[in-house]
Amino acid sequence: MWLRFFDSAGNLILLPEAAEQQAEQEQQRTKQERERANRLAARLRELGEDPSIL
């Protein structure tokens, strides 16, 4: 049996462990997206395009 907590709007309130895990996953996802954007920008520069004006 599990006990779950919800706020007055009906949103699930995460336990501290789950919230920490979710934050770590978001940080990892952000890092991966930043690395991907940097690789794409480098590739555009190789092709002679300036990614800052696209």
N, C-alpha and C. Protein backbone atom coordinates (compact mmCIF):
# COMPACT_ATOMS: atom_id res chain seq x y z
N MET A 1 0.84 -1.16 0.00
CA MET A 1 0.00 0.00 0.00
C MET A 1 0.91 1.25 0.00
N TRP A 2 0.54 2.25 -0.80
CA TRP A 2 1.32 3.47 -0.92
C TRP A 2 0.48 4.66 -0.52
N LEU A 3 1.10 5.61 0.13
CA LEU A 3 0.45 6.85 0.49
C LEU A 3 0.98 7.93 -0.45
N ARG A 4 0.07 8.65 -1.12
CA ARG A 4 0.47 9.70 -2.04
C ARG A 4 -0.13 11.01 -1.59
N PHE A 5 0.62 12.09 -1.78
CA PHE A 5 0.17 13.41 -1.37
C PHE A 5 -0.10 14.27 -2.59
N PHE A 6 -1.18 15.04 -2.51
CA PHE A 6 -1.58 15.94 -3.59
C PHE A 6 -1.82 17.33 -3.01
N ASP A 7 -1.55 18.34 -3.85
CA ASP A 7 -1.84 19.71 -3.40
C ASP A 7 -3.30 20.03 -3.66
N SER A 8 -3.71 21.24 -3.33
CA SER A 8 -5.12 21.60 -3.46
C SER A 8 -5.60 21.63 -4.92
N ALA A 9 -4.65 21.73 -5.86
CA ALA A 9 -5.02 21.73 -7.28
C ALA A 9 -5.04 20.31 -7.86
N GLY A 10 -4.72 19.32 -7.03
CA GLY A 10 -4.74 17.94 -7.49
C GLY A 10 -3.43 17.46 -8.07
N ASN A 11 -2.36 18.25 -7.94
CA ASN A 11 -1.04 17.85 -8.45
C ASN A 11 -0.33 16.96 -7.44
N LEU A 12 0.29 15.91 -7.93
CA LEU A 12 1.04 15.00 -7.09
C LEU A 12 2.24 15.71 -6.49
N ILE A 13 2.45 15.56 -5.20
CA ILE A 13 3.62 16.12 -4.53
C ILE A 13 4.64 15.00 -4.43
N LEU A 14 5.81 15.20 -5.03
CA LEU A 14 6.83 14.18 -5.03
C LEU A 14 7.52 14.10 -3.67
N LEU A 15 7.88 12.89 -3.29
CA LEU A 15 8.69 12.72 -2.10
C LEU A 15 10.08 13.28 -2.39
N PRO A 16 10.82 13.68 -1.37
CA PRO A 16 12.13 14.29 -1.60
C PRO A 16 13.06 13.43 -2.47
N GLU A 17 13.04 12.13 -2.28
CA GLU A 17 13.90 11.24 -3.08
C GLU A 17 13.50 11.28 -4.55
N ALA A 18 12.22 11.25 -4.79
CA ALA A 18 11.73 11.26 -6.18
C ALA A 18 11.99 12.62 -6.82
N ALA A 19 11.84 13.69 -6.06
CA ALA A 19 12.09 15.03 -6.59
C ALA A 19 13.56 15.19 -6.93
N GLU A 20 14.44 14.66 -6.09
CA GLU A 20 15.88 14.73 -6.34
C GLU A 20 16.24 13.95 -7.60
N GLN A 21 15.68 12.77 -7.74
CA GLN A 21 15.94 11.95 -8.92
C GLN A 21 15.44 12.65 -10.18
N GLN A 22 14.28 13.25 -10.11
CA GLN A 22 13.72 13.96 -11.26
C GLN A 22 14.61 15.15 -11.63
N ALA A 23 15.12 15.86 -10.64
CA ALA A 23 16.00 17.00 -10.90
C ALA A 23 17.29 16.55 -11.56
N GLU A 24 17.84 15.44 -11.12
CA GLU A 24 19.06 14.90 -11.72
C GLU A 24 18.82 14.51 -13.18
N GLN A 25 17.68 13.91 -13.45
CA GLN A 25 17.35 13.52 -14.82
C GLN A 25 17.21 14.75 -15.71
N GLU A 26 16.59 15.80 -15.19
CA GLU A 26 16.44 17.04 -15.95
C GLU A 26 17.80 17.68 -16.23
N GLN A 27 18.70 17.64 -15.25
CA GLN A 27 20.04 18.20 -15.45
C GLN A 27 20.79 17.42 -16.53
N GLN A 28 20.67 16.10 -16.50
CA GLN A 28 21.32 15.26 -17.51
C GLN A 28 20.75 15.55 -18.89
N ARG A 29 19.43 15.67 -18.98
CA ARG A 29 18.78 15.96 -20.26
C ARG A 29 19.21 17.33 -20.78
N THR A 30 19.31 18.31 -19.89
CA THR A 30 19.76 19.64 -20.29
C THR A 30 21.19 19.60 -20.81
N LYS A 31 22.04 18.86 -20.13
CA LYS A 31 23.44 18.73 -20.55
C LYS A 31 23.52 18.08 -21.94
N GLN A 32 22.75 17.04 -22.17
CA GLN A 32 22.75 16.35 -23.46
C GLN A 32 22.26 17.28 -24.57
N GLU A 33 21.22 18.05 -24.30
CA GLU A 33 20.70 18.97 -25.31
C GLU A 33 21.70 20.08 -25.62
N ARG A 34 22.40 20.57 -24.59
CA ARG A 34 23.42 21.60 -24.80
C ARG A 34 24.56 21.06 -25.67
N GLU A 35 25.00 19.82 -25.38
CA GLU A 35 26.06 19.19 -26.16
C GLU A 35 25.61 18.99 -27.61
N ARG A 36 24.37 18.58 -27.79
CA ARG A 36 23.83 18.39 -29.14
C ARG A 36 23.80 19.72 -29.90
N ALA A 37 23.35 20.77 -29.23
CA ALA A 37 23.30 22.09 -29.87
C ALA A 37 24.70 22.56 -30.25
N ASN A 38 25.68 22.31 -29.38
CA ASN A 38 27.05 22.69 -29.69
C ASN A 38 27.59 21.92 -30.89
N ARG A 39 27.28 20.63 -30.97
CA ARG A 39 27.73 19.83 -32.13
C ARG A 39 27.09 20.33 -33.42
N LEU A 40 25.80 20.64 -33.36
CA LEU A 40 25.11 21.15 -34.55
C LEU A 40 25.67 22.50 -34.98
N ALA A 41 25.96 23.37 -34.01
CA ALA A 41 26.53 24.68 -34.33
C ALA A 41 27.91 24.52 -34.96
N ALA A 42 28.70 23.60 -34.44
CA ALA A 42 30.03 23.36 -35.01
C ALA A 42 29.90 22.85 -36.44
N ARG A 43 28.94 21.98 -36.67
CA ARG A 43 28.74 21.43 -38.03
C ARG A 43 28.31 22.54 -38.99
N LEU A 44 27.44 23.42 -38.54
CA LEU A 44 27.03 24.55 -39.38
C LEU A 44 28.22 25.44 -39.72
N ARG A 45 29.09 25.69 -38.73
CA ARG A 45 30.28 26.51 -39.00
C ARG A 45 31.19 25.83 -40.02
N GLU A 46 31.30 24.48 -39.95
CA GLU A 46 32.09 23.73 -40.92
C GLU A 46 31.54 23.92 -42.33
N LEU A 47 30.23 24.06 -42.41
CA LEU A 47 29.57 24.22 -43.71
C LEU A 47 29.53 25.69 -44.16
N GLY A 48 30.14 26.57 -43.37
CA GLY A 48 30.22 27.97 -43.74
C GLY A 48 29.03 28.81 -43.32
N GLU A 49 28.21 28.29 -42.44
CA GLU A 49 27.04 29.04 -41.97
C GLU A 49 27.30 29.56 -40.57
N ASP A 50 26.74 30.72 -40.26
CA ASP A 50 26.86 31.27 -38.93
C ASP A 50 25.58 30.89 -38.15
N PRO A 51 25.69 29.97 -37.18
CA PRO A 51 24.49 29.52 -36.47
C PRO A 51 23.83 30.61 -35.62
N SER A 52 24.53 31.69 -35.34
CA SER A 52 23.93 32.72 -34.49
C SER A 52 22.92 33.58 -35.26
N ILE A 53 22.92 33.51 -36.59
CA ILE A 53 21.96 34.33 -37.34
C ILE A 53 20.83 33.49 -37.95
N LEU A 54 20.80 32.21 -37.66
CA LEU A 54 19.73 31.36 -38.21
C LEU A 54 18.50 31.40 -37.39
